[in-house]
Amino acid sequence: MMKTNEKKLLVIVLSLILIMAISSFGLASQDKLEPVTIATGPAGGMYQGLGGIIADTANSMTEGTPFGIVAGGSVPNVTMVAQKEAGIGISLNAFLLLAEKGAEPFTDGPYKNLKALFSLTPSSHHFLVTKDLDNTAKNYKGLVENKLKISYGGAGKTSPSYWIMETIFGYYGASQRAMQEWGAEVMLQSTRENINAWSDGRSDVFNTISMTPASSITEATSTREGVFWDIPEEVINILLKQGYEKWTIPVGTYPGMDKDYNTVAARIVFFANDEVSNEAAYLITKATAESQERLVSTVSSGFKKYWEPERMCTEVGIELHEGAKKYYRERGWLK
């Protein structure tokens, strides 16, 4: 028969094995997770609302409130997470590819310590002009060649739309800075400021990048008519090499829109640095995958039309985090 001391040792060993099994990835044990900050976007913007909802959902699945959010933007979020000023960030798959290469706007890179958690809906580029400007210039080439002194409502360098426009104007030998030099009023400002400038008649252009349908564009086109300028095929081919994808916004998506709009898009991606635990990565991924209805009702109807949770492990741009992989394997979405 087994001696008493041997029995005690066996009980201790079995207990340790059980504890390790239960606490795998730290979820079933309900141990508190280390705090994780999610870098989102400017106050009142889509990224902030999206990050807040996902953080709230994840917090409801565990003890305490380990997930919090801070303001940021598609470009600064990458740097903040890479430099460990935040644990998780929101950006675009195209930007994560550029960051990994150390390409503009991430020339202080390359950043090799980033891992993707999941992809969400595409974020598509919108370039809206007044009917007067459309009649005068016809397209981007005409705007540049005629050096029109327009009032331009653009986004700051923290937004992907700024860099998309640099590529478009660059193809024609110009830039947003060059527009200022020939006398155009270039306003690089928030989406809300651009909506107001467009609606008040103070700008001839409104460009932004957002999920489709974009509430900002719906609001703008409801107050003032405009025309969408397609991105030329030759410029789209350049943007494809930067990680974007072709995107068509169907006719009738916005008030007054009478034809399909050909543009580019990139997937919104949540990502983390290599110090974020497998437990936290697993939980934030699970919370998102199981919150489609809430995202549809609170963030955008695009989560119903353009997003399938079983594909959230695809089109992420960079390698997946091990914690996220565990969740996908449990669901059978990743081998």
Protein backbone atom coordinates (compact mmCIF):
# COMPACT_ATOMS: atom_id res chain seq x y z
CA MET A 1 0.00 0.00 0.00
CA MET A 2 1.03 3.56 -0.58
CA LYS A 3 2.56 5.28 2.42
CA THR A 4 0.93 8.37 3.93
CA ASN A 5 3.69 10.72 2.78
CA GLU A 6 3.52 9.32 -0.74
CA LYS A 7 -0.25 9.85 -0.76
CA LYS A 8 0.20 13.46 0.33
CA LEU A 9 2.81 14.02 -2.38
CA LEU A 10 0.51 12.51 -5.00
CA VAL A 11 -2.36 14.74 -3.89
CA ILE A 12 -0.12 17.81 -4.12
CA VAL A 13 1.10 16.87 -7.60
CA LEU A 14 -2.43 16.18 -8.86
CA SER A 15 -3.63 19.45 -7.36
CA LEU A 16 -0.91 21.38 -9.11
CA ILE A 17 -1.76 19.72 -12.42
CA LEU A 18 -5.43 20.59 -11.92
CA ILE A 19 -4.65 24.20 -11.09
CA MET A 20 -2.46 24.51 -14.18
CA ALA A 21 -5.18 23.03 -16.36
CA ILE A 22 -7.89 25.26 -14.95
CA SER A 23 -5.80 28.40 -15.25
CA SER A 24 -4.74 27.71 -18.83
CA PHE A 25 -4.73 31.14 -20.46
CA GLY A 26 -5.93 32.52 -17.13
CA LEU A 27 -9.61 32.60 -18.08
CA ALA A 28 -11.36 29.76 -16.28
CA SER A 29 -9.63 30.57 -13.02
CA GLN A 30 -11.06 34.12 -13.05
CA ASP A 31 -7.67 35.45 -11.95
CA LYS A 32 -7.38 39.17 -12.52
CA LEU A 33 -5.63 40.12 -15.74
CA GLU A 34 -2.92 42.72 -15.76
CA PRO A 35 -4.30 46.09 -16.96
CA VAL A 36 -4.15 46.59 -20.74
CA THR A 37 -4.64 49.96 -22.44
CA ILE A 38 -6.23 50.09 -25.90
CA ALA A 39 -5.15 53.02 -28.11
CA THR A 40 -8.25 54.11 -30.03
CA GLY A 41 -8.96 57.44 -31.74
CA PRO A 42 -9.95 61.06 -31.15
CA ALA A 43 -12.85 61.85 -28.83
CA GLY A 44 -16.18 61.13 -30.45
CA GLY A 45 -14.63 59.23 -33.36
CA MET A 46 -15.36 55.75 -34.66
CA TYR A 47 -12.19 54.18 -33.20
CA GLN A 48 -13.00 55.47 -29.73
CA GLY A 49 -16.54 54.10 -29.82
CA LEU A 50 -15.36 50.79 -31.24
CA GLY A 51 -12.57 50.38 -28.70
CA GLY A 52 -14.83 51.36 -25.82
CA ILE A 53 -17.49 48.80 -26.70
CA ILE A 54 -15.02 45.96 -27.16
CA ALA A 55 -13.19 46.85 -23.94
CA ASP A 56 -16.50 46.95 -22.06
CA THR A 57 -17.53 43.56 -23.45
CA ALA A 58 -14.19 41.98 -22.54
CA ASN A 59 -14.33 43.47 -19.03
CA SER A 60 -17.75 41.88 -18.52
CA MET A 61 -16.21 38.46 -19.20
CA THR A 62 -13.59 38.57 -16.46
CA GLU A 63 -12.97 39.86 -12.95
CA GLY A 64 -12.30 43.57 -12.61
CA THR A 65 -11.87 45.99 -15.50
CA PRO A 66 -8.48 45.20 -17.02
CA PHE A 67 -9.16 46.88 -20.37
CA GLY A 68 -9.19 50.66 -20.69
CA ILE A 69 -8.90 53.04 -23.64
CA VAL A 70 -6.87 56.13 -24.54
CA ALA A 71 -7.14 58.52 -27.47
CA GLY A 72 -4.92 58.00 -30.49
CA GLY A 73 -5.22 57.50 -34.25
CA SER A 74 -4.35 55.00 -36.98
CA VAL A 75 -0.74 56.23 -37.28
CA PRO A 76 0.16 57.12 -33.66
CA ASN A 77 -1.45 53.93 -32.34
CA VAL A 78 1.13 51.82 -34.16
CA THR A 79 4.00 53.73 -32.58
CA MET A 80 2.35 53.81 -29.14
CA VAL A 81 1.89 50.03 -29.09
CA ALA A 82 5.32 49.28 -30.56
CA GLN A 83 6.96 51.51 -27.94
CA LYS A 84 4.75 49.95 -25.22
CA GLU A 85 2.94 53.13 -24.28
CA ALA A 86 -0.21 51.06 -24.87
CA GLY A 87 -0.71 47.31 -25.05
CA ILE A 88 -3.30 47.09 -27.81
CA GLY A 89 -4.10 49.44 -30.68
CA ILE A 90 -6.48 49.94 -33.60
CA SER A 91 -5.17 50.69 -37.08
CA LEU A 92 -5.36 49.30 -40.63
CA ASN A 93 -3.75 46.18 -42.05
CA ALA A 94 -2.05 48.35 -44.68
CA PHE A 95 -0.40 50.47 -41.98
CA LEU A 96 0.79 47.41 -40.06
CA LEU A 97 2.52 46.17 -43.20
CA LEU A 98 4.23 49.54 -43.66
CA ALA A 99 5.25 49.61 -39.99
CA GLU A 100 6.82 46.16 -40.24
CA LYS A 101 8.86 47.39 -43.22
CA GLY A 102 9.77 50.74 -41.64
CA ALA A 103 8.18 52.57 -44.59
CA GLU A 104 6.54 56.00 -44.48
CA PRO A 105 4.87 57.12 -42.24
CA PHE A 106 6.81 54.75 -39.93
CA THR A 107 10.34 55.71 -40.87
CA ASP A 108 11.43 55.42 -37.22
CA GLY A 109 10.72 51.67 -37.56
CA PRO A 110 10.75 48.94 -38.59
CA TYR A 111 8.54 47.60 -35.81
CA LYS A 112 9.00 43.88 -35.36
CA ASN A 113 7.28 43.42 -32.00
CA LEU A 114 3.67 43.72 -33.18
CA LYS A 115 1.15 40.87 -33.47
CA ALA A 116 -2.33 41.00 -34.94
CA LEU A 117 -5.40 40.04 -32.91
CA PHE A 118 -8.21 40.26 -35.46
CA SER A 119 -9.52 42.13 -38.49
CA LEU A 120 -12.87 43.86 -38.68
CA THR A 121 -14.72 45.62 -41.50
CA PRO A 122 -13.00 47.44 -44.34
CA SER A 123 -12.49 51.17 -43.87
CA SER A 124 -12.97 52.85 -47.24
CA HIS A 125 -11.61 56.14 -48.55
CA HIS A 126 -14.12 58.85 -49.52
CA PHE A 127 -13.27 61.93 -51.59
CA LEU A 128 -16.25 64.25 -51.98
CA VAL A 129 -16.17 67.49 -54.01
CA THR A 130 -18.74 70.17 -54.78
CA LYS A 131 -20.54 70.09 -58.11
CA ASP A 132 -18.86 73.39 -59.03
CA LEU A 133 -15.39 71.91 -58.50
CA ASP A 134 -16.37 68.78 -60.41
CA ASN A 135 -17.48 70.93 -63.36
CA THR A 136 -14.27 72.99 -63.24
CA ALA A 137 -11.59 70.37 -62.63
CA LYS A 138 -13.32 67.08 -63.57
CA ASN A 139 -10.78 64.99 -61.63
CA TYR A 140 -7.57 64.98 -59.56
CA LYS A 141 -5.42 65.63 -62.63
CA GLY A 142 -7.43 68.70 -63.57
CA LEU A 143 -7.21 70.04 -60.02
CA VAL A 144 -3.42 69.77 -60.02
CA GLU A 145 -2.79 70.98 -63.58
CA ASN A 146 -4.98 74.05 -63.11
CA LYS A 147 -3.62 74.74 -59.60
CA LEU A 148 -7.08 75.65 -58.42
CA LYS A 149 -7.24 77.83 -55.31
CA ILE A 150 -9.85 75.75 -53.55
CA SER A 151 -10.73 75.31 -49.90
CA TYR A 152 -9.64 71.77 -49.10
CA GLY A 153 -11.05 69.85 -46.12
CA GLY A 154 -8.58 67.08 -45.39
CA ALA A 155 -7.43 64.88 -42.54
CA GLY A 156 -4.27 65.23 -40.49
CA LYS A 157 -1.19 63.04 -40.76
CA THR A 158 -2.58 60.66 -38.14
CA SER A 159 -5.25 59.54 -40.63
CA PRO A 160 -4.82 57.05 -43.48
CA SER A 161 -6.76 59.40 -45.78
CA TYR A 162 -3.92 61.94 -45.56
CA TRP A 163 -1.43 59.38 -46.86
CA ILE A 164 -3.82 58.08 -49.52
CA MET A 165 -4.17 61.64 -50.80
CA GLU A 166 -0.39 62.09 -50.80
CA THR A 167 -0.17 59.04 -53.08
CA ILE A 168 -2.91 60.35 -55.39
CA PHE A 169 -1.51 63.88 -55.62
CA GLY A 170 2.02 62.52 -55.83
CA TYR A 171 1.11 60.60 -58.97
CA TYR A 172 0.38 63.96 -60.60
CA GLY A 173 3.50 65.62 -59.22
CA ALA A 174 1.86 67.48 -56.33
CA SER A 175 1.11 67.17 -52.64
CA GLN A 176 -1.12 68.74 -50.02
CA ARG A 177 1.75 71.08 -49.16
CA ALA A 178 2.08 72.04 -52.84
CA MET A 179 -1.60 72.98 -52.85
CA GLN A 180 -0.91 75.48 -50.09
CA GLU A 181 2.01 76.90 -52.08
CA TRP A 182 -0.19 77.61 -55.11
CA GLY A 183 -2.74 79.38 -52.90
CA ALA A 184 -5.29 76.73 -51.94
CA GLU A 185 -6.58 76.79 -48.38
CA VAL A 186 -5.64 73.37 -46.97
CA MET A 187 -7.48 72.57 -43.74
CA LEU A 188 -6.15 69.43 -42.09
CA GLN A 189 -8.64 68.90 -39.29
CA SER A 190 -10.96 66.52 -37.51
CA THR A 191 -13.87 64.76 -39.20
CA ARG A 192 -16.36 66.87 -37.25
CA GLU A 193 -14.63 70.07 -38.36
CA ASN A 194 -14.68 68.88 -41.96
CA ILE A 195 -18.39 68.03 -41.76
CA ASN A 196 -19.11 71.53 -40.47
CA ALA A 197 -16.93 73.20 -43.10
CA TRP A 198 -18.61 71.23 -45.87
CA SER A 199 -22.14 71.80 -44.57
CA ASP A 200 -21.50 75.53 -44.05
CA GLY A 201 -20.15 75.97 -47.59
CA ARG A 202 -16.64 76.81 -46.39
CA SER A 203 -14.89 73.92 -48.17
CA ASP A 204 -14.89 72.51 -51.69
CA VAL A 205 -13.59 69.09 -50.64
CA PHE A 206 -14.29 66.61 -47.86
CA ASN A 207 -12.13 63.51 -47.67
CA THR A 208 -12.17 60.88 -44.96
CA ILE A 209 -11.72 57.16 -44.40
CA SER A 210 -14.40 55.23 -42.56
CA MET A 211 -16.52 52.12 -42.51
CA THR A 212 -19.23 52.04 -45.16
CA PRO A 213 -21.73 53.57 -44.85
CA ALA A 214 -19.85 56.44 -43.18
CA SER A 215 -22.12 58.45 -40.91
CA SER A 216 -19.96 61.54 -41.57
CA ILE A 217 -20.55 61.28 -45.33
CA THR A 218 -24.25 60.62 -44.85
CA GLU A 219 -24.50 63.76 -42.72
CA ALA A 220 -22.48 65.84 -45.18
CA THR A 221 -24.37 64.76 -48.30
CA SER A 222 -27.68 65.27 -46.52
CA THR A 223 -26.92 68.97 -46.11
CA ARG A 224 -25.08 69.76 -49.35
CA GLU A 225 -24.80 68.00 -52.71
CA GLY A 226 -21.50 66.60 -53.82
CA VAL A 227 -19.75 64.29 -56.29
CA PHE A 228 -17.37 61.43 -55.48
CA TRP A 229 -14.15 61.34 -57.49
CA ASP A 230 -13.05 57.82 -58.40
CA ILE A 231 -9.43 56.94 -57.76
CA PRO A 232 -7.90 56.27 -61.22
CA GLU A 233 -6.95 52.66 -61.92
CA GLU A 234 -3.26 53.50 -62.29
CA VAL A 235 -3.22 55.07 -58.81
CA ILE A 236 -5.20 52.20 -57.32
CA ASN A 237 -2.43 49.88 -58.54
CA ILE A 238 0.09 51.90 -56.51
CA LEU A 239 -2.12 51.79 -53.42
CA LEU A 240 -2.54 48.02 -53.80
CA LYS A 241 1.22 47.67 -53.32
CA GLN A 242 0.87 49.64 -50.08
CA GLY A 243 -1.57 47.05 -48.71
CA TYR A 244 -4.92 48.57 -49.70
CA GLU A 245 -7.62 46.71 -51.65
CA LYS A 246 -9.97 47.79 -54.41
CA TRP A 247 -13.35 48.85 -53.10
CA THR A 248 -16.61 49.88 -54.70
CA ILE A 249 -19.29 51.79 -52.80
CA PRO A 250 -22.62 51.02 -54.50
CA VAL A 251 -24.84 53.67 -56.03
CA GLY A 252 -27.42 55.00 -53.59
CA THR A 253 -25.30 54.40 -50.48
CA TYR A 254 -25.40 58.14 -49.74
CA PRO A 255 -27.95 60.87 -50.48
CA GLY A 256 -27.64 62.09 -54.07
CA MET A 257 -25.16 59.36 -55.05
CA ASP A 258 -26.12 58.38 -58.63
CA LYS A 259 -23.31 55.97 -59.59
CA ASP A 260 -20.93 53.46 -58.08
CA TYR A 261 -17.84 54.95 -56.45
CA ASN A 262 -14.47 53.25 -57.10
CA THR A 263 -11.97 53.74 -54.32
CA VAL A 264 -9.72 51.74 -51.97
CA ALA A 265 -10.14 50.28 -48.50
CA ALA A 266 -8.14 48.59 -45.78
CA ARG A 267 -9.24 46.33 -42.95
CA ILE A 268 -9.50 47.72 -39.45
CA VAL A 269 -7.22 45.61 -37.27
CA PHE A 270 -6.71 45.28 -33.52
CA PHE A 271 -3.09 44.43 -32.71
CA ALA A 272 -0.83 44.12 -29.68
CA ASN A 273 2.81 44.23 -28.72
CA ASP A 274 4.70 41.15 -27.58
CA GLU A 275 4.27 42.01 -23.88
CA VAL A 276 0.48 41.57 -23.96
CA SER A 277 -0.32 38.21 -22.38
CA ASN A 278 -1.96 35.29 -24.17
CA GLU A 279 -4.80 35.58 -21.67
CA ALA A 280 -5.56 39.19 -22.58
CA ALA A 281 -5.23 38.54 -26.31
CA TYR A 282 -7.57 35.55 -26.06
CA LEU A 283 -10.19 37.44 -24.08
CA ILE A 284 -10.32 40.56 -26.26
CA THR A 285 -10.60 38.34 -29.35
CA LYS A 286 -13.40 36.27 -27.82
CA ALA A 287 -15.25 39.40 -26.72
CA THR A 288 -15.17 40.80 -30.25
CA ALA A 289 -16.14 37.58 -32.03
CA GLU A 290 -19.19 37.21 -29.81
CA SER A 291 -20.37 40.84 -30.06
CA GLN A 292 -21.46 41.23 -33.68
CA GLU A 293 -25.04 42.23 -32.83
CA ARG A 294 -23.87 44.86 -30.38
CA LEU A 295 -21.39 46.27 -32.90
CA VAL A 296 -24.12 46.48 -35.56
CA SER A 297 -26.48 48.34 -33.25
CA THR A 298 -23.95 50.72 -31.70
CA VAL A 299 -21.10 51.29 -34.19
CA SER A 300 -22.12 50.60 -37.80
CA SER A 301 -24.50 48.53 -39.88
CA GLY A 302 -21.35 47.64 -41.83
CA PHE A 303 -20.67 44.98 -39.20
CA LYS A 304 -23.66 43.08 -40.57
CA LYS A 305 -22.98 43.58 -44.27
CA TYR A 306 -19.19 43.52 -44.46
CA TRP A 307 -17.95 41.41 -41.53
CA GLU A 308 -17.99 37.69 -40.82
CA PRO A 309 -16.52 36.77 -37.39
CA GLU A 310 -15.17 33.48 -38.74
CA ARG A 311 -12.91 35.48 -41.07
CA MET A 312 -11.50 37.79 -38.39
CA CYS A 313 -8.22 35.84 -38.38
CA THR A 314 -7.64 36.74 -42.05
CA GLU A 315 -6.39 39.90 -43.81
CA VAL A 316 -4.61 41.12 -40.70
CA GLY A 317 -1.38 42.19 -42.39
CA ILE A 318 1.06 40.71 -39.87
CA GLU A 319 1.48 37.52 -37.83
CA LEU A 320 -1.26 36.64 -35.35
CA HIS A 321 -0.79 36.73 -31.56
CA GLU A 322 -0.68 33.29 -29.91
CA GLY A 323 -3.57 34.15 -27.59
CA ALA A 324 -5.76 35.05 -30.56
CA LYS A 325 -4.72 31.87 -32.36
CA LYS A 326 -5.93 29.79 -29.42
CA TYR A 327 -9.43 31.25 -29.69
CA TYR A 328 -9.56 30.70 -33.47
CA ARG A 329 -8.45 27.09 -33.11
CA GLU A 330 -11.13 26.46 -30.49
CA ARG A 331 -13.73 27.77 -32.94
CA GLY A 332 -12.30 25.77 -35.84
CA TRP A 333 -11.46 28.94 -37.79
CA LEU A 334 -7.71 28.27 -37.81
CA LYS A 335 -5.80 25.01 -38.10
